[in-house]
């Protein structure tokens, strides 16, 4: 029940994970 650090920017957990994967 923690929040992904990019969740607020991306609006969805899947999008946040994929955005971070690309950035990393």
PDBML (XML) file of the C-alpha atoms, coordinates in Angstrom:
<?xml version="1.0" encoding="UTF-8" ?>
<PDBx:datablock datablockName="MODEL"
   xmlns:PDBx="http://pdbml.pdb.org/schema/pdbx-v50.xsd"
   xmlns:xsi="http://www.w3.org/2001/XMLSchema-instance"
   xsi:schemaLocation="http://pdbml.pdb.org/schema/pdbx-v50.xsd pdbx-v50.xsd">
   <PDBx:atom_siteCategory>
      <PDBx:atom_site id="1">
         <PDBx:B_iso_or_equiv>0.00</PDBx:B_iso_or_equiv>
         <PDBx:Cartn_x>0.000</PDBx:Cartn_x>
         <PDBx:Cartn_y>0.000</PDBx:Cartn_y>
         <PDBx:Cartn_z>0.000</PDBx:Cartn_z>
         <PDBx:auth_asym_id>A</PDBx:auth_asym_id>
         <PDBx:auth_atom_id>CA</PDBx:auth_atom_id>
         <PDBx:auth_comp_id>UNK</PDBx:auth_comp_id>
         <PDBx:auth_seq_id>1</PDBx:auth_seq_id>
         <PDBx:group_PDB>ATOM</PDBx:group_PDB>
         <PDBx:label_alt_id xsi:nil="true" />
         <PDBx:label_asym_id>A</PDBx:label_asym_id>
         <PDBx:label_atom_id>CA</PDBx:label_atom_id>
         <PDBx:label_comp_id>UNK</PDBx:label_comp_id>
         <PDBx:label_entity_id>1</PDBx:label_entity_id>
         <PDBx:label_seq_id>1</PDBx:label_seq_id>
         <PDBx:occupancy>1.00</PDBx:occupancy>
         <PDBx:pdbx_PDB_model_num>1</PDBx:pdbx_PDB_model_num>
         <PDBx:type_symbol>C</PDBx:type_symbol>
      </PDBx:atom_site>
      <PDBx:atom_site id="2">
         <PDBx:B_iso_or_equiv>0.00</PDBx:B_iso_or_equiv>
         <PDBx:Cartn_x>2.857</PDBx:Cartn_x>
         <PDBx:Cartn_y>2.346</PDBx:Cartn_y>
         <PDBx:Cartn_z>-0.743</PDBx:Cartn_z>
         <PDBx:auth_asym_id>A</PDBx:auth_asym_id>
         <PDBx:auth_atom_id>CA</PDBx:auth_atom_id>
         <PDBx:auth_comp_id>UNK</PDBx:auth_comp_id>
         <PDBx:auth_seq_id>2</PDBx:auth_seq_id>
         <PDBx:group_PDB>ATOM</PDBx:group_PDB>
         <PDBx:label_alt_id xsi:nil="true" />
         <PDBx:label_asym_id>A</PDBx:label_asym_id>
         <PDBx:label_atom_id>CA</PDBx:label_atom_id>
         <PDBx:label_comp_id>UNK</PDBx:label_comp_id>
         <PDBx:label_entity_id>1</PDBx:label_entity_id>
         <PDBx:label_seq_id>2</PDBx:label_seq_id>
         <PDBx:occupancy>1.00</PDBx:occupancy>
         <PDBx:pdbx_PDB_model_num>1</PDBx:pdbx_PDB_model_num>
         <PDBx:type_symbol>C</PDBx:type_symbol>
      </PDBx:atom_site>
      <PDBx:atom_site id="3">
         <PDBx:B_iso_or_equiv>0.00</PDBx:B_iso_or_equiv>
         <PDBx:Cartn_x>2.809</PDBx:Cartn_x>
         <PDBx:Cartn_y>4.886</PDBx:Cartn_y>
         <PDBx:Cartn_z>-3.541</PDBx:Cartn_z>
         <PDBx:auth_asym_id>A</PDBx:auth_asym_id>
         <PDBx:auth_atom_id>CA</PDBx:auth_atom_id>
         <PDBx:auth_comp_id>UNK</PDBx:auth_comp_id>
         <PDBx:auth_seq_id>3</PDBx:auth_seq_id>
         <PDBx:group_PDB>ATOM</PDBx:group_PDB>
         <PDBx:label_alt_id xsi:nil="true" />
         <PDBx:label_asym_id>A</PDBx:label_asym_id>
         <PDBx:label_atom_id>CA</PDBx:label_atom_id>
         <PDBx:label_comp_id>UNK</PDBx:label_comp_id>
         <PDBx:label_entity_id>1</PDBx:label_entity_id>
         <PDBx:label_seq_id>3</PDBx:label_seq_id>
         <PDBx:occupancy>1.00</PDBx:occupancy>
         <PDBx:pdbx_PDB_model_num>1</PDBx:pdbx_PDB_model_num>
         <PDBx:type_symbol>C</PDBx:type_symbol>
      </PDBx:atom_site>
      <PDBx:atom_site id="4">
         <PDBx:B_iso_or_equiv>0.00</PDBx:B_iso_or_equiv>
         <PDBx:Cartn_x>5.118</PDBx:Cartn_x>
         <PDBx:Cartn_y>4.740</PDBx:Cartn_y>
         <PDBx:Cartn_z>-6.541</PDBx:Cartn_z>
         <PDBx:auth_asym_id>A</PDBx:auth_asym_id>
         <PDBx:auth_atom_id>CA</PDBx:auth_atom_id>
         <PDBx:auth_comp_id>UNK</PDBx:auth_comp_id>
         <PDBx:auth_seq_id>4</PDBx:auth_seq_id>
         <PDBx:group_PDB>ATOM</PDBx:group_PDB>
         <PDBx:label_alt_id xsi:nil="true" />
         <PDBx:label_asym_id>A</PDBx:label_asym_id>
         <PDBx:label_atom_id>CA</PDBx:label_atom_id>
         <PDBx:label_comp_id>UNK</PDBx:label_comp_id>
         <PDBx:label_entity_id>1</PDBx:label_entity_id>
         <PDBx:label_seq_id>4</PDBx:label_seq_id>
         <PDBx:occupancy>1.00</PDBx:occupancy>
         <PDBx:pdbx_PDB_model_num>1</PDBx:pdbx_PDB_model_num>
         <PDBx:type_symbol>C</PDBx:type_symbol>
      </PDBx:atom_site>
      <PDBx:atom_site id="5">
         <PDBx:B_iso_or_equiv>0.00</PDBx:B_iso_or_equiv>
         <PDBx:Cartn_x>7.317</PDBx:Cartn_x>
         <PDBx:Cartn_y>7.882</PDBx:Cartn_y>
         <PDBx:Cartn_z>-6.682</PDBx:Cartn_z>
         <PDBx:auth_asym_id>A</PDBx:auth_asym_id>
         <PDBx:auth_atom_id>CA</PDBx:auth_atom_id>
         <PDBx:auth_comp_id>UNK</PDBx:auth_comp_id>
         <PDBx:auth_seq_id>5</PDBx:auth_seq_id>
         <PDBx:group_PDB>ATOM</PDBx:group_PDB>
         <PDBx:label_alt_id xsi:nil="true" />
         <PDBx:label_asym_id>A</PDBx:label_asym_id>
         <PDBx:label_atom_id>CA</PDBx:label_atom_id>
         <PDBx:label_comp_id>UNK</PDBx:label_comp_id>
         <PDBx:label_entity_id>1</PDBx:label_entity_id>
         <PDBx:label_seq_id>5</PDBx:label_seq_id>
         <PDBx:occupancy>1.00</PDBx:occupancy>
         <PDBx:pdbx_PDB_model_num>1</PDBx:pdbx_PDB_model_num>
         <PDBx:type_symbol>C</PDBx:type_symbol>
      </PDBx:atom_site>
      <PDBx:atom_site id="6">
         <PDBx:B_iso_or_equiv>0.00</PDBx:B_iso_or_equiv>
         <PDBx:Cartn_x>6.063</PDBx:Cartn_x>
         <PDBx:Cartn_y>8.720</PDBx:Cartn_y>
         <PDBx:Cartn_z>-10.196</PDBx:Cartn_z>
         <PDBx:auth_asym_id>A</PDBx:auth_asym_id>
         <PDBx:auth_atom_id>CA</PDBx:auth_atom_id>
         <PDBx:auth_comp_id>UNK</PDBx:auth_comp_id>
         <PDBx:auth_seq_id>6</PDBx:auth_seq_id>
         <PDBx:group_PDB>ATOM</PDBx:group_PDB>
         <PDBx:label_alt_id xsi:nil="true" />
         <PDBx:label_asym_id>A</PDBx:label_asym_id>
         <PDBx:label_atom_id>CA</PDBx:label_atom_id>
         <PDBx:label_comp_id>UNK</PDBx:label_comp_id>
         <PDBx:label_entity_id>1</PDBx:label_entity_id>
         <PDBx:label_seq_id>6</PDBx:label_seq_id>
         <PDBx:occupancy>1.00</PDBx:occupancy>
         <PDBx:pdbx_PDB_model_num>1</PDBx:pdbx_PDB_model_num>
         <PDBx:type_symbol>C</PDBx:type_symbol>
      </PDBx:atom_site>
      <PDBx:atom_site id="7">
         <PDBx:B_iso_or_equiv>0.00</PDBx:B_iso_or_equiv>
         <PDBx:Cartn_x>2.397</PDBx:Cartn_x>
         <PDBx:Cartn_y>7.909</PDBx:Cartn_y>
         <PDBx:Cartn_z>-9.574</PDBx:Cartn_z>
         <PDBx:auth_asym_id>A</PDBx:auth_asym_id>
         <PDBx:auth_atom_id>CA</PDBx:auth_atom_id>
         <PDBx:auth_comp_id>UNK</PDBx:auth_comp_id>
         <PDBx:auth_seq_id>7</PDBx:auth_seq_id>
         <PDBx:group_PDB>ATOM</PDBx:group_PDB>
         <PDBx:label_alt_id xsi:nil="true" />
         <PDBx:label_asym_id>A</PDBx:label_asym_id>
         <PDBx:label_atom_id>CA</PDBx:label_atom_id>
         <PDBx:label_comp_id>UNK</PDBx:label_comp_id>
         <PDBx:label_entity_id>1</PDBx:label_entity_id>
         <PDBx:label_seq_id>7</PDBx:label_seq_id>
         <PDBx:occupancy>1.00</PDBx:occupancy>
         <PDBx:pdbx_PDB_model_num>1</PDBx:pdbx_PDB_model_num>
         <PDBx:type_symbol>C</PDBx:type_symbol>
      </PDBx:atom_site>
      <PDBx:atom_site id="8">
         <PDBx:B_iso_or_equiv>0.00</PDBx:B_iso_or_equiv>
         <PDBx:Cartn_x>1.292</PDBx:Cartn_x>
         <PDBx:Cartn_y>11.527</PDBx:Cartn_y>
         <PDBx:Cartn_z>-9.193</PDBx:Cartn_z>
         <PDBx:auth_asym_id>A</PDBx:auth_asym_id>
         <PDBx:auth_atom_id>CA</PDBx:auth_atom_id>
         <PDBx:auth_comp_id>UNK</PDBx:auth_comp_id>
         <PDBx:auth_seq_id>8</PDBx:auth_seq_id>
         <PDBx:group_PDB>ATOM</PDBx:group_PDB>
         <PDBx:label_alt_id xsi:nil="true" />
         <PDBx:label_asym_id>A</PDBx:label_asym_id>
         <PDBx:label_atom_id>CA</PDBx:label_atom_id>
         <PDBx:label_comp_id>UNK</PDBx:label_comp_id>
         <PDBx:label_entity_id>1</PDBx:label_entity_id>
         <PDBx:label_seq_id>8</PDBx:label_seq_id>
         <PDBx:occupancy>1.00</PDBx:occupancy>
         <PDBx:pdbx_PDB_model_num>1</PDBx:pdbx_PDB_model_num>
         <PDBx:type_symbol>C</PDBx:type_symbol>
      </PDBx:atom_site>
      <PDBx:atom_site id="9">
         <PDBx:B_iso_or_equiv>0.00</PDBx:B_iso_or_equiv>
         <PDBx:Cartn_x>2.972</PDBx:Cartn_x>
         <PDBx:Cartn_y>12.520</PDBx:Cartn_y>
         <PDBx:Cartn_z>-12.461</PDBx:Cartn_z>
         <PDBx:auth_asym_id>A</PDBx:auth_asym_id>
         <PDBx:auth_atom_id>CA</PDBx:auth_atom_id>
         <PDBx:auth_comp_id>UNK</PDBx:auth_comp_id>
         <PDBx:auth_seq_id>9</PDBx:auth_seq_id>
         <PDBx:group_PDB>ATOM</PDBx:group_PDB>
         <PDBx:label_alt_id xsi:nil="true" />
         <PDBx:label_asym_id>A</PDBx:label_asym_id>
         <PDBx:label_atom_id>CA</PDBx:label_atom_id>
         <PDBx:label_comp_id>UNK</PDBx:label_comp_id>
         <PDBx:label_entity_id>1</PDBx:label_entity_id>
         <PDBx:label_seq_id>9</PDBx:label_seq_id>
         <PDBx:occupancy>1.00</PDBx:occupancy>
         <PDBx:pdbx_PDB_model_num>1</PDBx:pdbx_PDB_model_num>
         <PDBx:type_symbol>C</PDBx:type_symbol>
      </PDBx:atom_site>
      <PDBx:atom_site id="10">
         <PDBx:B_iso_or_equiv>0.00</PDBx:B_iso_or_equiv>
         <PDBx:Cartn_x>1.687</PDBx:Cartn_x>
         <PDBx:Cartn_y>9.610</PDBx:Cartn_y>
         <PDBx:Cartn_z>-14.516</PDBx:Cartn_z>
         <PDBx:auth_asym_id>A</PDBx:auth_asym_id>
         <PDBx:auth_atom_id>CA</PDBx:auth_atom_id>
         <PDBx:auth_comp_id>UNK</PDBx:auth_comp_id>
         <PDBx:auth_seq_id>10</PDBx:auth_seq_id>
         <PDBx:group_PDB>ATOM</PDBx:group_PDB>
         <PDBx:label_alt_id xsi:nil="true" />
         <PDBx:label_asym_id>A</PDBx:label_asym_id>
         <PDBx:label_atom_id>CA</PDBx:label_atom_id>
         <PDBx:label_comp_id>UNK</PDBx:label_comp_id>
         <PDBx:label_entity_id>1</PDBx:label_entity_id>
         <PDBx:label_seq_id>10</PDBx:label_seq_id>
         <PDBx:occupancy>1.00</PDBx:occupancy>
         <PDBx:pdbx_PDB_model_num>1</PDBx:pdbx_PDB_model_num>
         <PDBx:type_symbol>C</PDBx:type_symbol>
      </PDBx:atom_site>
      <PDBx:atom_site id="11">
         <PDBx:B_iso_or_equiv>0.00</PDBx:B_iso_or_equiv>
         <PDBx:Cartn_x>-1.755</PDBx:Cartn_x>
         <PDBx:Cartn_y>9.141</PDBx:Cartn_y>
         <PDBx:Cartn_z>-13.003</PDBx:Cartn_z>
         <PDBx:auth_asym_id>A</PDBx:auth_asym_id>
         <PDBx:auth_atom_id>CA</PDBx:auth_atom_id>
         <PDBx:auth_comp_id>UNK</PDBx:auth_comp_id>
         <PDBx:auth_seq_id>11</PDBx:auth_seq_id>
         <PDBx:group_PDB>ATOM</PDBx:group_PDB>
         <PDBx:label_alt_id xsi:nil="true" />
         <PDBx:label_asym_id>A</PDBx:label_asym_id>
         <PDBx:label_atom_id>CA</PDBx:label_atom_id>
         <PDBx:label_comp_id>UNK</PDBx:label_comp_id>
         <PDBx:label_entity_id>1</PDBx:label_entity_id>
         <PDBx:label_seq_id>11</PDBx:label_seq_id>
         <PDBx:occupancy>1.00</PDBx:occupancy>
         <PDBx:pdbx_PDB_model_num>1</PDBx:pdbx_PDB_model_num>
         <PDBx:type_symbol>C</PDBx:type_symbol>
      </PDBx:atom_site>
      <PDBx:atom_site id="12">
         <PDBx:B_iso_or_equiv>0.00</PDBx:B_iso_or_equiv>
         <PDBx:Cartn_x>-1.621</PDBx:Cartn_x>
         <PDBx:Cartn_y>5.347</PDBx:Cartn_y>
         <PDBx:Cartn_z>-13.005</PDBx:Cartn_z>
         <PDBx:auth_asym_id>A</PDBx:auth_asym_id>
         <PDBx:auth_atom_id>CA</PDBx:auth_atom_id>
         <PDBx:auth_comp_id>UNK</PDBx:auth_comp_id>
         <PDBx:auth_seq_id>12</PDBx:auth_seq_id>
         <PDBx:group_PDB>ATOM</PDBx:group_PDB>
         <PDBx:label_alt_id xsi:nil="true" />
         <PDBx:label_asym_id>A</PDBx:label_asym_id>
         <PDBx:label_atom_id>CA</PDBx:label_atom_id>
         <PDBx:label_comp_id>UNK</PDBx:label_comp_id>
         <PDBx:label_entity_id>1</PDBx:label_entity_id>
         <PDBx:label_seq_id>12</PDBx:label_seq_id>
         <PDBx:occupancy>1.00</PDBx:occupancy>
         <PDBx:pdbx_PDB_model_num>1</PDBx:pdbx_PDB_model_num>
         <PDBx:type_symbol>C</PDBx:type_symbol>
      </PDBx:atom_site>
      <PDBx:atom_site id="13">
         <PDBx:B_iso_or_equiv>0.00</PDBx:B_iso_or_equiv>
         <PDBx:Cartn_x>0.617</PDBx:Cartn_x>
         <PDBx:Cartn_y>2.676</PDBx:Cartn_y>
         <PDBx:Cartn_z>-11.510</PDBx:Cartn_z>
         <PDBx:auth_asym_id>A</PDBx:auth_asym_id>
         <PDBx:auth_atom_id>CA</PDBx:auth_atom_id>
         <PDBx:auth_comp_id>UNK</PDBx:auth_comp_id>
         <PDBx:auth_seq_id>13</PDBx:auth_seq_id>
         <PDBx:group_PDB>ATOM</PDBx:group_PDB>
         <PDBx:label_alt_id xsi:nil="true" />
         <PDBx:label_asym_id>A</PDBx:label_asym_id>
         <PDBx:label_atom_id>CA</PDBx:label_atom_id>
         <PDBx:label_comp_id>UNK</PDBx:label_comp_id>
         <PDBx:label_entity_id>1</PDBx:label_entity_id>
         <PDBx:label_seq_id>13</PDBx:label_seq_id>
         <PDBx:occupancy>1.00</PDBx:occupancy>
         <PDBx:pdbx_PDB_model_num>1</PDBx:pdbx_PDB_model_num>
         <PDBx:type_symbol>C</PDBx:type_symbol>
      </PDBx:atom_site>
      <PDBx:atom_site id="14">
         <PDBx:B_iso_or_equiv>0.00</PDBx:B_iso_or_equiv>
         <PDBx:Cartn_x>1.264</PDBx:Cartn_x>
         <PDBx:Cartn_y>0.828</PDBx:Cartn_y>
         <PDBx:Cartn_z>-14.768</PDBx:Cartn_z>
         <PDBx:auth_asym_id>A</PDBx:auth_asym_id>
         <PDBx:auth_atom_id>CA</PDBx:auth_atom_id>
         <PDBx:auth_comp_id>UNK</PDBx:auth_comp_id>
         <PDBx:auth_seq_id>14</PDBx:auth_seq_id>
         <PDBx:group_PDB>ATOM</PDBx:group_PDB>
         <PDBx:label_alt_id xsi:nil="true" />
         <PDBx:label_asym_id>A</PDBx:label_asym_id>
         <PDBx:label_atom_id>CA</PDBx:label_atom_id>
         <PDBx:label_comp_id>UNK</PDBx:label_comp_id>
         <PDBx:label_entity_id>1</PDBx:label_entity_id>
         <PDBx:label_seq_id>14</PDBx:label_seq_id>
         <PDBx:occupancy>1.00</PDBx:occupancy>
         <PDBx:pdbx_PDB_model_num>1</PDBx:pdbx_PDB_model_num>
         <PDBx:type_symbol>C</PDBx:type_symbol>
      </PDBx:atom_site>
      <PDBx:atom_site id="15">
         <PDBx:B_iso_or_equiv>0.00</PDBx:B_iso_or_equiv>
         <PDBx:Cartn_x>2.220</PDBx:Cartn_x>
         <PDBx:Cartn_y>4.051</PDBx:Cartn_y>
         <PDBx:Cartn_z>-16.508</PDBx:Cartn_z>
         <PDBx:auth_asym_id>A</PDBx:auth_asym_id>
         <PDBx:auth_atom_id>CA</PDBx:auth_atom_id>
         <PDBx:auth_comp_id>UNK</PDBx:auth_comp_id>
         <PDBx:auth_seq_id>15</PDBx:auth_seq_id>
         <PDBx:group_PDB>ATOM</PDBx:group_PDB>
         <PDBx:label_alt_id xsi:nil="true" />
         <PDBx:label_asym_id>A</PDBx:label_asym_id>
         <PDBx:label_atom_id>CA</PDBx:label_atom_id>
         <PDBx:label_comp_id>UNK</PDBx:label_comp_id>
         <PDBx:label_entity_id>1</PDBx:label_entity_id>
         <PDBx:label_seq_id>15</PDBx:label_seq_id>
         <PDBx:occupancy>1.00</PDBx:occupancy>
         <PDBx:pdbx_PDB_model_num>1</PDBx:pdbx_PDB_model_num>
         <PDBx:type_symbol>C</PDBx:type_symbol>
      </PDBx:atom_site>
      <PDBx:atom_site id="16">
         <PDBx:B_iso_or_equiv>0.00</PDBx:B_iso_or_equiv>
         <PDBx:Cartn_x>4.473</PDBx:Cartn_x>
         <PDBx:Cartn_y>5.048</PDBx:Cartn_y>
         <PDBx:Cartn_z>-13.583</PDBx:Cartn_z>
         <PDBx:auth_asym_id>A</PDBx:auth_asym_id>
         <PDBx:auth_atom_id>CA</PDBx:auth_atom_id>
         <PDBx:auth_comp_id>UNK</PDBx:auth_comp_id>
         <PDBx:auth_seq_id>16</PDBx:auth_seq_id>
         <PDBx:group_PDB>ATOM</PDBx:group_PDB>
         <PDBx:label_alt_id xsi:nil="true" />
         <PDBx:label_asym_id>A</PDBx:label_asym_id>
         <PDBx:label_atom_id>CA</PDBx:label_atom_id>
         <PDBx:label_comp_id>UNK</PDBx:label_comp_id>
         <PDBx:label_entity_id>1</PDBx:label_entity_id>
         <PDBx:label_seq_id>16</PDBx:label_seq_id>
         <PDBx:occupancy>1.00</PDBx:occupancy>
         <PDBx:pdbx_PDB_model_num>1</PDBx:pdbx_PDB_model_num>
         <PDBx:type_symbol>C</PDBx:type_symbol>
      </PDBx:atom_site>
      <PDBx:atom_site id="17">
         <PDBx:B_iso_or_equiv>0.00</PDBx:B_iso_or_equiv>
         <PDBx:Cartn_x>6.325</PDBx:Cartn_x>
         <PDBx:Cartn_y>1.718</PDBx:Cartn_y>
         <PDBx:Cartn_z>-13.643</PDBx:Cartn_z>
         <PDBx:auth_asym_id>A</PDBx:auth_asym_id>
         <PDBx:auth_atom_id>CA</PDBx:auth_atom_id>
         <PDBx:auth_comp_id>UNK</PDBx:auth_comp_id>
         <PDBx:auth_seq_id>17</PDBx:auth_seq_id>
         <PDBx:group_PDB>ATOM</PDBx:group_PDB>
         <PDBx:label_alt_id xsi:nil="true" />
         <PDBx:label_asym_id>A</PDBx:label_asym_id>
         <PDBx:label_atom_id>CA</PDBx:label_atom_id>
         <PDBx:label_comp_id>UNK</PDBx:label_comp_id>
         <PDBx:label_entity_id>1</PDBx:label_entity_id>
         <PDBx:label_seq_id>17</PDBx:label_seq_id>
         <PDBx:occupancy>1.00</PDBx:occupancy>
         <PDBx:pdbx_PDB_model_num>1</PDBx:pdbx_PDB_model_num>
         <PDBx:type_symbol>C</PDBx:type_symbol>
      </PDBx:atom_site>
      <PDBx:atom_site id="18">
         <PDBx:B_iso_or_equiv>0.00</PDBx:B_iso_or_equiv>
         <PDBx:Cartn_x>6.847</PDBx:Cartn_x>
         <PDBx:Cartn_y>1.802</PDBx:Cartn_y>
         <PDBx:Cartn_z>-17.404</PDBx:Cartn_z>
         <PDBx:auth_asym_id>A</PDBx:auth_asym_id>
         <PDBx:auth_atom_id>CA</PDBx:auth_atom_id>
         <PDBx:auth_comp_id>UNK</PDBx:auth_comp_id>
         <PDBx:auth_seq_id>18</PDBx:auth_seq_id>
         <PDBx:group_PDB>ATOM</PDBx:group_PDB>
         <PDBx:label_alt_id xsi:nil="true" />
         <PDBx:label_asym_id>A</PDBx:label_asym_id>
         <PDBx:label_atom_id>CA</PDBx:label_atom_id>
         <PDBx:label_comp_id>UNK</PDBx:label_comp_id>
         <PDBx:label_entity_id>1</PDBx:label_entity_id>
         <PDBx:label_seq_id>18</PDBx:label_seq_id>
         <PDBx:occupancy>1.00</PDBx:occupancy>
         <PDBx:pdbx_PDB_model_num>1</PDBx:pdbx_PDB_model_num>
         <PDBx:type_symbol>C</PDBx:type_symbol>
      </PDBx:atom_site>
      <PDBx:atom_site id="19">
         <PDBx:B_iso_or_equiv>0.00</PDBx:B_iso_or_equiv>
         <PDBx:Cartn_x>7.976</PDBx:Cartn_x>
         <PDBx:Cartn_y>5.442</PDBx:Cartn_y>
         <PDBx:Cartn_z>-17.324</PDBx:Cartn_z>
         <PDBx:auth_asym_id>A</PDBx:auth_asym_id>
         <PDBx:auth_atom_id>CA</PDBx:auth_atom_id>
         <PDBx:auth_comp_id>UNK</PDBx:auth_comp_id>
         <PDBx:auth_seq_id>19</PDBx:auth_seq_id>
         <PDBx:group_PDB>ATOM</PDBx:group_PDB>
         <PDBx:label_alt_id xsi:nil="true" />
         <PDBx:label_asym_id>A</PDBx:label_asym_id>
         <PDBx:label_atom_id>CA</PDBx:label_atom_id>
         <PDBx:label_comp_id>UNK</PDBx:label_comp_id>
         <PDBx:label_entity_id>1</PDBx:label_entity_id>
         <PDBx:label_seq_id>19</PDBx:label_seq_id>
         <PDBx:occupancy>1.00</PDBx:occupancy>
         <PDBx:pdbx_PDB_model_num>1</PDBx:pdbx_PDB_model_num>
         <PDBx:type_symbol>C</PDBx:type_symbol>
      </PDBx:atom_site>
      <PDBx:atom_site id="20">
         <PDBx:B_iso_or_equiv>0.00</PDBx:B_iso_or_equiv>
         <PDBx:Cartn_x>10.562</PDBx:Cartn_x>
         <PDBx:Cartn_y>4.623</PDBx:Cartn_y>
         <PDBx:Cartn_z>-14.682</PDBx:Cartn_z>
         <PDBx:auth_asym_id>A</PDBx:auth_asym_id>
         <PDBx:auth_atom_id>CA</PDBx:auth_atom_id>
         <PDBx:auth_comp_id>UNK</PDBx:auth_comp_id>
         <PDBx:auth_seq_id>20</PDBx:auth_seq_id>
         <PDBx:group_PDB>ATOM</PDBx:group_PDB>
         <PDBx:label_alt_id xsi:nil="true" />
         <PDBx:label_asym_id>A</PDBx:label_asym_id>
         <PDBx:label_atom_id>CA</PDBx:label_atom_id>
         <PDBx:label_comp_id>UNK</PDBx:label_comp_id>
         <PDBx:label_entity_id>1</PDBx:label_entity_id>
         <PDBx:label_seq_id>20</PDBx:label_seq_id>
         <PDBx:occupancy>1.00</PDBx:occupancy>
         <PDBx:pdbx_PDB_model_num>1</PDBx:pdbx_PDB_model_num>
         <PDBx:type_symbol>C</PDBx:type_symbol>
      </PDBx:atom_site>
      <PDBx:atom_site id="21">
         <PDBx:B_iso_or_equiv>0.00</PDBx:B_iso_or_equiv>
         <PDBx:Cartn_x>11.708</PDBx:Cartn_x>
         <PDBx:Cartn_y>1.546</PDBx:Cartn_y>
         <PDBx:Cartn_z>-16.591</PDBx:Cartn_z>
         <PDBx:auth_asym_id>A</PDBx:auth_asym_id>
         <PDBx:auth_atom_id>CA</PDBx:auth_atom_id>
         <PDBx:auth_comp_id>UNK</PDBx:auth_comp_id>
         <PDBx:auth_seq_id>21</PDBx:auth_seq_id>
         <PDBx:group_PDB>ATOM</PDBx:group_PDB>
         <PDBx:label_alt_id xsi:nil="true" />
         <PDBx:label_asym_id>A</PDBx:label_asym_id>
         <PDBx:label_atom_id>CA</PDBx:label_atom_id>
         <PDBx:label_comp_id>UNK</PDBx:label_comp_id>
         <PDBx:label_entity_id>1</PDBx:label_entity_id>
         <PDBx:label_seq_id>21</PDBx:label_seq_id>
         <PDBx:occupancy>1.00</PDBx:occupancy>
         <PDBx:pdbx_PDB_model_num>1</PDBx:pdbx_PDB_model_num>
         <PDBx:type_symbol>C</PDBx:type_symbol>
      </PDBx:atom_site>
      <PDBx:atom_site id="22">
         <PDBx:B_iso_or_equiv>0.00</PDBx:B_iso_or_equiv>
         <PDBx:Cartn_x>12.401</PDBx:Cartn_x>
         <PDBx:Cartn_y>3.680</PDBx:Cartn_y>
         <PDBx:Cartn_z>-19.654</PDBx:Cartn_z>
         <PDBx:auth_asym_id>A</PDBx:auth_asym_id>
         <PDBx:auth_atom_id>CA</PDBx:auth_atom_id>
         <PDBx:auth_comp_id>UNK</PDBx:auth_comp_id>
         <PDBx:auth_seq_id>22</PDBx:auth_seq_id>
         <PDBx:group_PDB>ATOM</PDBx:group_PDB>
         <PDBx:label_alt_id xsi:nil="true" />
         <PDBx:label_asym_id>A</PDBx:label_asym_id>
         <PDBx:label_atom_id>CA</PDBx:label_atom_id>
         <PDBx:label_comp_id>UNK</PDBx:label_comp_id>
         <PDBx:label_entity_id>1</PDBx:label_entity_id>
         <PDBx:label_seq_id>22</PDBx:label_seq_id>
         <PDBx:occupancy>1.00</PDBx:occupancy>
         <PDBx:pdbx_PDB_model_num>1</PDBx:pdbx_PDB_model_num>
         <PDBx:type_symbol>C</PDBx:type_symbol>
      </PDBx:atom_site>
      <PDBx:atom_site id="23">
         <PDBx:B_iso_or_equiv>0.00</PDBx:B_iso_or_equiv>
         <PDBx:Cartn_x>14.139</PDBx:Cartn_x>
         <PDBx:Cartn_y>6.389</PDBx:Cartn_y>
         <PDBx:Cartn_z>-17.632</PDBx:Cartn_z>
         <PDBx:auth_asym_id>A</PDBx:auth_asym_id>
         <PDBx:auth_atom_id>CA</PDBx:auth_atom_id>
         <PDBx:auth_comp_id>UNK</PDBx:auth_comp_id>
         <PDBx:auth_seq_id>23</PDBx:auth_seq_id>
         <PDBx:group_PDB>ATOM</PDBx:group_PDB>
         <PDBx:label_alt_id xsi:nil="true" />
         <PDBx:label_asym_id>A</PDBx:label_asym_id>
         <PDBx:label_atom_id>CA</PDBx:label_atom_id>
         <PDBx:label_comp_id>UNK</PDBx:label_comp_id>
         <PDBx:label_entity_id>1</PDBx:label_entity_id>
         <PDBx:label_seq_id>23</PDBx:label_seq_id>
         <PDBx:occupancy>1.00</PDBx:occupancy>
         <PDBx:pdbx_PDB_model_num>1</PDBx:pdbx_PDB_model_num>
         <PDBx:type_symbol>C</PDBx:type_symbol>
      </PDBx:atom_site>
      <PDBx:atom_site id="24">
         <PDBx:B_iso_or_equiv>0.00</PDBx:B_iso_or_equiv>
         <PDBx:Cartn_x>16.321</PDBx:Cartn_x>
         <PDBx:Cartn_y>3.852</PDBx:Cartn_y>
         <PDBx:Cartn_z>-15.827</PDBx:Cartn_z>
         <PDBx:auth_asym_id>A</PDBx:auth_asym_id>
         <PDBx:auth_atom_id>CA</PDBx:auth_atom_id>
         <PDBx:auth_comp_id>UNK</PDBx:auth_comp_id>
         <PDBx:auth_seq_id>24</PDBx:auth_seq_id>
         <PDBx:group_PDB>ATOM</PDBx:group_PDB>
         <PDBx:label_alt_id xsi:nil="true" />
         <PDBx:label_asym_id>A</PDBx:label_asym_id>
         <PDBx:label_atom_id>CA</PDBx:label_atom_id>
         <PDBx:label_comp_id>UNK</PDBx:label_comp_id>
         <PDBx:label_entity_id>1</PDBx:label_entity_id>
         <PDBx:label_seq_id>24</PDBx:label_seq_id>
         <PDBx:occupancy>1.00</PDBx:occupancy>
         <PDBx:pdbx_PDB_model_num>1</PDBx:pdbx_PDB_model_num>
         <PDBx:type_symbol>C</PDBx:type_symbol>
      </PDBx:atom_site>
   </PDBx:atom_siteCategory>
</PDBx:datablock>
